[in-house]
Amino acid sequence: MRIVIATPLYPPEIGGPAMYAKELKEGLAAAGNTVALVKFSDVRRYPKLLRHLAYFWRVFREARETDAVLAFDTWSTGVPALLAAKARGNKSLVRIGGDILWETYLQRTHKLIKLSEFYTSKRKLSFKERLIRKGAHWVTQNADALIFNTTWQKDLWGKVYGFDKRKASVIENEYPTERKNSPAKGRVFVAAGRDHFLKNVRTLEEAFTDLKRIYPDVELDDRALSPGEHQARIRDSYAVVIPSVSEIGPNTSIDAIRYGKPFILPYDNGAHDRLAGAGIFVDTLDADVLRRTMESLLDPGEYARAAERVRAFTFSHSWEEVVKEFLVILKKVCAS
């Protein structure tokens, strides 16, 4: 097959979608497919409307004699890539690993609303947000296949956008097959993520400031680093904190599992069932709860028990398996 991947990010850019696009591209190519890559970051320098038009043209140009176009979100790449696929007569798939409407609304309003609660009330959306919602509705109605990384989000979006459930699938994120129990170098909590309001950084900073008054030796590392540097700091860290309002598929928890590190993450979480028993789930909007949870890990006995729960987590899902699952859906869609 010849496949076009439309992705918002790609290494050396930082972010879960960047690494996912790289692994999927390489895996599909290794399986004998021809894969073309179109990065939205290449057109981000243009004004807002023009960048989507420019991206449509780039996907349209690459999609000549293509079997399928695979987009990595419903807005920046999803709408223009799906339009280009339809213009070429290609099959289209959309991987939905986030919620751009929810993210944009929180960034604009600075309201800490959990994803599970966001669609339960009517929101006063901006013009851009209304466009994003209409775009998500159009994409979910018109794509040939929708691929989510958690059943939690698939079910949530199914209620909101009312798409045909028969075309929706779940492919879980990669979970490492190889684990390394690396000793901590100092008591450093790692909290990595994009500079976005939904990451709830202020609550974490409040909690950590209180913690450091009592335990001066603890440190917080929240720098934006390259994937390689990020893996190295997780390896050397004491524990991982994911303070986000909500998480759909928390990649940083997977990094923690890779190195046997205890990790704290929000209750409102698409991977809650998968990570139950391994992670420490808390109300991340409560600074006092967050502080007390981090403080509990400073007790050697509690830390040892938390680390053992992580080491007891045996589920794995390799990139090879992820690629095979994509191929099953791609072949089914292209044959229809």
Protein backbone atom coordinates (compact mmCIF):
# COMPACT_ATOMS: atom_id res chain seq x y z
CA MET A 1 0.00 0.00 0.00
CA ARG A 2 0.94 3.62 -0.43
CA ILE A 3 0.02 5.66 2.63
CA VAL A 4 0.24 9.37 3.43
CA ILE A 5 0.65 10.24 7.12
CA ALA A 6 -0.53 13.75 8.00
CA THR A 7 0.98 14.65 11.35
CA PRO A 8 1.12 17.88 13.39
CA LEU A 9 4.59 17.06 14.77
CA TYR A 10 7.62 14.95 13.91
CA PRO A 11 11.05 14.54 15.58
CA PRO A 12 13.15 16.44 16.45
CA GLU A 13 9.97 18.23 17.55
CA ILE A 14 8.83 17.23 21.04
CA GLY A 15 5.54 15.55 21.88
CA GLY A 16 3.67 12.27 21.89
CA PRO A 17 2.30 12.70 18.33
CA ALA A 18 5.82 13.30 17.01
CA MET A 19 7.20 10.03 18.36
CA TYR A 20 4.04 8.13 17.41
CA ALA A 21 4.25 9.36 13.80
CA LYS A 22 7.93 8.38 13.61
CA GLU A 23 7.38 4.85 14.95
CA LEU A 24 4.31 4.27 12.79
CA LYS A 25 5.99 5.58 9.64
CA GLU A 26 9.04 3.37 10.17
CA GLY A 27 6.94 0.34 11.10
CA LEU A 28 4.63 0.65 8.09
CA ALA A 29 7.62 1.09 5.78
CA ALA A 30 9.37 -1.94 7.31
CA ALA A 31 6.23 -3.98 6.55
CA GLY A 32 6.68 -3.23 2.84
CA ASN A 33 4.47 -0.17 2.44
CA THR A 34 5.39 3.12 0.81
CA VAL A 35 4.86 5.92 3.33
CA ALA A 36 4.90 9.66 2.62
CA LEU A 37 4.97 12.14 5.50
CA VAL A 38 3.34 15.59 5.52
CA LYS A 39 4.11 17.69 8.63
CA PHE A 40 1.79 20.50 9.68
CA SER A 41 4.76 22.15 11.38
CA ASP A 42 6.11 22.94 7.90
CA VAL A 43 3.20 25.34 7.25
CA ARG A 44 2.75 26.74 10.77
CA ARG A 45 4.68 29.88 9.83
CA TYR A 46 1.82 30.99 7.56
CA PRO A 47 -1.25 32.99 8.77
CA LYS A 48 -3.98 30.80 10.25
CA LEU A 49 -6.31 30.36 7.27
CA LEU A 50 -3.47 30.22 4.76
CA ARG A 51 -1.63 27.50 6.68
CA HIS A 52 -4.62 25.14 6.38
CA LEU A 53 -4.91 25.86 2.67
CA ALA A 54 -1.17 25.28 2.23
CA TYR A 55 -1.42 22.04 4.18
CA PHE A 56 -4.35 20.86 2.07
CA TRP A 57 -2.26 21.43 -1.04
CA ARG A 58 0.74 19.53 0.37
CA VAL A 59 -1.39 16.51 1.29
CA PHE A 60 -3.24 16.69 -2.04
CA ARG A 61 0.08 16.69 -3.91
CA GLU A 62 1.44 13.72 -1.93
CA ALA A 63 -1.84 11.78 -2.19
CA ARG A 64 -1.56 11.14 -5.93
CA GLU A 65 -1.90 7.37 -6.56
CA THR A 66 -2.26 6.75 -2.83
CA ASP A 67 -4.36 4.08 -1.12
CA ALA A 68 -5.06 5.93 2.11
CA VAL A 69 -4.44 9.14 4.02
CA LEU A 70 -3.94 8.82 7.79
CA ALA A 71 -4.37 12.04 9.78
CA PHE A 72 -3.28 12.50 13.37
CA ASP A 73 -5.95 14.85 14.68
CA THR A 74 -9.33 16.31 13.76
CA TRP A 75 -8.37 19.94 13.20
CA SER A 76 -4.89 21.05 12.12
CA THR A 77 -4.23 17.97 9.99
CA GLY A 78 -7.63 16.27 10.07
CA VAL A 79 -9.81 18.70 8.15
CA PRO A 80 -7.35 19.61 5.34
CA ALA A 81 -6.03 16.04 5.02
CA LEU A 82 -9.52 14.56 4.82
CA LEU A 83 -10.53 17.14 2.20
CA ALA A 84 -7.42 16.28 0.19
CA ALA A 85 -8.16 12.56 0.47
CA LYS A 86 -11.71 13.05 -0.76
CA ALA A 87 -10.52 15.25 -3.63
CA ARG A 88 -8.14 12.45 -4.68
CA GLY A 89 -10.66 9.67 -4.09
CA ASN A 90 -8.49 8.14 -1.34
CA LYS A 91 -9.59 6.28 1.75
CA SER A 92 -9.14 8.24 4.97
CA LEU A 93 -8.32 7.32 8.56
CA VAL A 94 -8.06 9.65 11.53
CA ARG A 95 -6.21 8.84 14.72
CA ILE A 96 -7.76 10.74 17.62
CA GLY A 97 -5.43 10.89 20.60
CA GLY A 98 -6.48 14.21 22.09
CA ASP A 99 -9.33 16.70 22.29
CA ILE A 100 -8.39 19.99 20.64
CA LEU A 101 -11.70 21.69 21.47
CA TRP A 102 -11.32 21.00 25.19
CA GLU A 103 -7.65 22.03 25.15
CA THR A 104 -8.36 25.27 23.29
CA TYR A 105 -11.27 26.18 25.56
CA LEU A 106 -9.20 25.67 28.72
CA GLN A 107 -6.29 27.65 27.30
CA ARG A 108 -8.57 30.59 26.46
CA THR A 109 -10.73 30.67 29.58
CA HIS A 110 -8.22 29.38 32.16
CA LYS A 111 -10.96 27.22 33.63
CA LEU A 112 -9.85 23.88 35.04
CA ILE A 113 -12.58 21.62 33.66
CA LYS A 114 -12.08 17.87 33.49
CA LEU A 115 -12.55 16.31 30.07
CA SER A 116 -15.20 13.92 31.39
CA GLU A 117 -17.23 16.96 32.51
CA PHE A 118 -16.54 19.28 29.59
CA TYR A 119 -19.35 18.11 27.31
CA THR A 120 -21.95 17.67 30.07
CA SER A 121 -22.75 21.42 30.10
CA LYS A 122 -23.31 23.93 27.35
CA ARG A 123 -20.21 26.09 26.86
CA LYS A 124 -19.95 29.56 25.39
CA LEU A 125 -17.49 28.86 22.61
CA SER A 126 -15.41 31.37 20.68
CA PHE A 127 -15.63 31.55 16.89
CA LYS A 128 -12.46 29.44 16.58
CA GLU A 129 -13.82 26.86 19.03
CA ARG A 130 -17.08 26.59 17.12
CA LEU A 131 -15.07 25.93 13.97
CA ILE A 132 -13.04 23.26 15.78
CA ARG A 133 -16.22 21.56 16.97
CA LYS A 134 -17.77 21.66 13.50
CA GLY A 135 -14.51 20.33 12.08
CA ALA A 136 -14.46 17.43 14.55
CA HIS A 137 -18.07 16.61 13.73
CA TRP A 138 -17.41 16.68 9.98
CA VAL A 139 -14.27 14.56 10.27
CA THR A 140 -15.89 11.93 12.51
CA GLN A 141 -18.84 11.67 10.13
CA ASN A 142 -16.82 11.49 6.91
CA ALA A 143 -13.60 9.60 7.69
CA ASP A 144 -13.60 5.94 6.66
CA ALA A 145 -12.09 4.89 9.99
CA LEU A 146 -11.58 6.49 13.40
CA ILE A 147 -8.82 5.21 15.66
CA PHE A 148 -8.72 6.11 19.36
CA ASN A 149 -6.08 5.12 21.89
CA THR A 150 -8.59 4.56 24.73
CA THR A 151 -12.11 3.18 24.92
CA TRP A 152 -12.81 6.00 27.38
CA GLN A 153 -12.44 8.69 24.72
CA LYS A 154 -14.12 6.61 22.01
CA ASP A 155 -17.23 6.28 24.16
CA LEU A 156 -17.13 9.94 25.22
CA TRP A 157 -16.83 11.19 21.64
CA GLY A 158 -19.44 8.73 20.44
CA LYS A 159 -22.00 10.44 22.65
CA VAL A 160 -20.91 13.94 21.59
CA TYR A 161 -20.47 13.50 17.83
CA GLY A 162 -22.75 10.54 17.11
CA PHE A 163 -20.52 8.81 14.56
CA ASP A 164 -21.06 5.29 13.26
CA LYS A 165 -19.56 3.08 15.96
CA ARG A 166 -18.71 0.38 13.41
CA LYS A 167 -15.92 2.51 11.97
CA ALA A 168 -14.35 3.32 15.35
CA SER A 169 -11.51 1.21 16.76
CA VAL A 170 -9.13 1.40 19.70
CA ILE A 171 -5.39 0.89 19.35
CA GLU A 172 -3.70 1.33 22.70
CA ASN A 173 -0.45 3.23 23.05
CA GLU A 174 2.87 1.43 23.12
CA TYR A 175 3.75 -0.12 26.48
CA PRO A 176 7.37 -1.26 26.75
CA THR A 177 8.24 -4.94 26.55
CA GLU A 178 11.64 -4.31 28.15
CA ARG A 179 11.85 -2.75 31.62
CA LYS A 180 14.84 -1.31 33.46
CA ASN A 181 14.71 -0.77 37.21
CA SER A 182 17.08 2.17 37.44
CA PRO A 183 18.14 3.59 40.83
CA ALA A 184 17.22 7.20 41.52
CA LYS A 185 19.90 9.88 41.54
CA GLY A 186 18.54 12.12 44.26
CA ARG A 187 14.91 12.85 45.10
CA VAL A 188 13.85 14.46 41.82
CA PHE A 189 10.20 14.45 40.75
CA VAL A 190 9.79 14.73 36.97
CA ALA A 191 6.73 16.54 35.62
CA ALA A 192 7.09 16.94 31.86
CA GLY A 193 4.58 18.27 29.38
CA ARG A 194 3.61 21.02 26.99
CA ASP A 195 3.25 24.60 28.19
CA HIS A 196 -0.54 24.44 28.27
CA PHE A 197 -3.11 25.42 30.88
CA LEU A 198 -4.59 21.92 31.02
CA LYS A 199 -1.23 20.68 32.36
CA ASN A 200 -2.19 22.37 35.64
CA VAL A 201 1.33 23.62 36.34
CA ARG A 202 0.30 26.25 38.89
CA THR A 203 -1.29 23.68 41.19
CA LEU A 204 1.81 21.51 40.96
CA GLU A 205 4.10 24.46 41.72
CA GLU A 206 1.99 25.37 44.75
CA ALA A 207 2.11 21.79 46.01
CA PHE A 208 5.84 21.45 45.41
CA THR A 209 6.70 24.78 47.04
CA ASP A 210 4.99 23.59 50.23
CA LEU A 211 6.76 20.23 49.99
CA LYS A 212 10.20 21.77 49.57
CA ARG A 213 9.76 23.87 52.71
CA ILE A 214 9.62 20.63 54.67
CA TYR A 215 12.06 18.59 52.54
CA PRO A 216 14.71 20.98 51.15
CA ASP A 217 16.53 18.23 49.25
CA VAL A 218 13.63 17.42 46.88
CA GLU A 219 13.70 18.82 43.35
CA LEU A 220 11.18 19.27 40.54
CA ASP A 221 12.26 18.87 36.91
CA ASP A 222 9.64 20.26 34.53
CA ARG A 223 11.90 21.30 31.66
CA ALA A 224 10.96 20.78 28.03
CA LEU A 225 13.57 18.33 26.72
CA SER A 226 14.25 16.27 23.63
CA PRO A 227 12.95 12.66 23.71
CA GLY A 228 16.41 11.27 24.46
CA GLU A 229 17.09 13.74 27.27
CA HIS A 230 13.61 13.14 28.67
CA GLN A 231 14.17 9.37 28.80
CA ALA A 232 17.48 9.92 30.59
CA ARG A 233 15.94 12.08 33.29
CA ILE A 234 13.09 9.60 33.84
CA ARG A 235 15.72 6.87 34.25
CA ASP A 236 17.52 8.90 36.94
CA SER A 237 14.41 10.34 38.61
CA TYR A 238 12.86 9.50 41.96
CA ALA A 239 9.25 9.55 40.76
CA VAL A 240 7.00 11.00 38.07
CA VAL A 241 4.10 13.42 38.53
CA ILE A 242 1.44 14.04 35.88
CA PRO A 243 -0.57 16.99 37.26
CA SER A 244 -2.86 17.51 34.24
CA VAL A 245 -6.55 18.27 34.69
CA SER A 246 -7.27 15.11 32.69
CA GLU A 247 -5.22 12.68 30.61
CA ILE A 248 -6.47 10.64 27.67
CA GLY A 249 -3.41 8.44 27.16
CA PRO A 250 -0.67 9.50 29.63
CA ASN A 251 2.60 8.82 27.81
CA THR A 252 4.74 9.97 30.73
CA SER A 253 3.30 7.18 32.88
CA ILE A 254 4.50 4.72 30.23
CA ASP A 255 7.98 6.26 30.51
CA ALA A 256 7.80 5.76 34.28
CA ILE A 257 6.85 2.09 33.83
CA ARG A 258 9.80 1.61 31.48
CA TYR A 259 12.20 2.51 34.31
CA GLY A 260 10.24 1.21 37.31
CA LYS A 261 9.42 4.64 38.73
CA PRO A 262 6.36 5.35 40.91
CA PHE A 263 4.00 7.77 39.19
CA ILE A 264 1.14 10.05 40.21
CA LEU A 265 -1.62 10.91 37.73
CA PRO A 266 -5.18 12.29 37.60
CA TYR A 267 -8.30 10.25 38.30
CA ASP A 268 -9.84 11.64 35.10
CA ASN A 269 -7.87 9.41 32.82
CA GLY A 270 -8.49 7.33 29.73
CA ALA A 271 -6.00 4.69 30.86
CA HIS A 272 -7.41 4.38 34.39
CA ASP A 273 -8.47 0.76 33.97
CA ARG A 274 -5.23 -0.21 32.25
CA LEU A 275 -3.01 1.42 34.89
CA ALA A 276 -5.09 0.53 37.94
CA GLY A 277 -2.83 -0.91 40.62
CA ALA A 278 0.33 0.49 39.06
CA GLY A 279 -0.20 4.26 39.27
CA ILE A 280 -1.27 6.50 42.14
CA PHE A 281 -4.50 8.26 41.10
CA VAL A 282 -5.36 11.56 42.79
CA ASP A 283 -7.44 14.70 42.35
CA THR A 284 -4.72 16.77 40.70
CA LEU A 285 -6.77 19.97 41.07
CA ASP A 286 -6.24 19.85 44.85
CA ALA A 287 -2.76 21.18 45.70
CA ASP A 288 -2.88 19.79 49.24
CA VAL A 289 -3.75 16.29 47.99
CA LEU A 290 -0.96 16.50 45.42
CA ARG A 291 1.54 17.61 48.06
CA ARG A 292 0.55 14.89 50.52
CA THR A 293 0.80 12.24 47.81
CA MET A 294 4.31 13.32 46.82
CA GLU A 295 5.24 13.51 50.49
CA SER A 296 4.03 9.93 51.06
CA LEU A 297 6.54 8.73 48.45
CA LEU A 298 9.36 10.27 50.47
CA ASP A 299 8.77 7.59 53.08
CA PRO A 300 11.14 4.72 52.18
CA GLY A 301 8.60 2.03 52.94
CA GLU A 302 5.81 3.62 50.92
CA TYR A 303 8.21 4.35 48.08
CA ALA A 304 9.33 0.69 47.99
CA ARG A 305 5.70 -0.47 47.88
CA ALA A 306 4.83 1.99 45.10
CA ALA A 307 7.88 0.93 43.07
CA GLU A 308 6.97 -2.73 43.51
CA ARG A 309 3.46 -2.06 42.15
CA VAL A 310 5.02 -0.52 39.06
CA ARG A 311 7.35 -3.49 38.60
CA ALA A 312 4.37 -5.84 38.95
CA PHE A 313 2.71 -4.22 35.93
CA THR A 314 3.20 -6.82 33.19
CA PHE A 315 1.09 -5.57 30.29
CA SER A 316 3.08 -4.79 27.15
CA HIS A 317 2.10 -3.54 23.72
CA SER A 318 5.05 -3.18 21.37
CA TRP A 319 5.34 -0.80 18.43
CA GLU A 320 5.31 -3.89 16.21
CA GLU A 321 1.87 -4.77 17.59
CA VAL A 322 0.67 -1.19 17.15
CA VAL A 323 1.75 -1.25 13.50
CA LYS A 324 0.08 -4.63 12.88
CA GLU A 325 -3.20 -3.33 14.31
CA PHE A 326 -3.02 -0.28 12.05
CA LEU A 327 -2.35 -2.52 9.07
CA VAL A 328 -5.44 -4.62 9.82
CA ILE A 329 -7.60 -1.50 9.76
CA LEU A 330 -5.85 -0.04 6.71
CA LYS A 331 -6.35 -3.24 4.70
CA LYS A 332 -9.99 -3.48 5.74
CA VAL A 333 -10.70 0.14 4.80
CA CYS A 334 -8.85 -0.04 1.48
CA ALA A 335 -10.68 -3.25 0.54
CA SER A 336 -14.11 -1.74 1.19
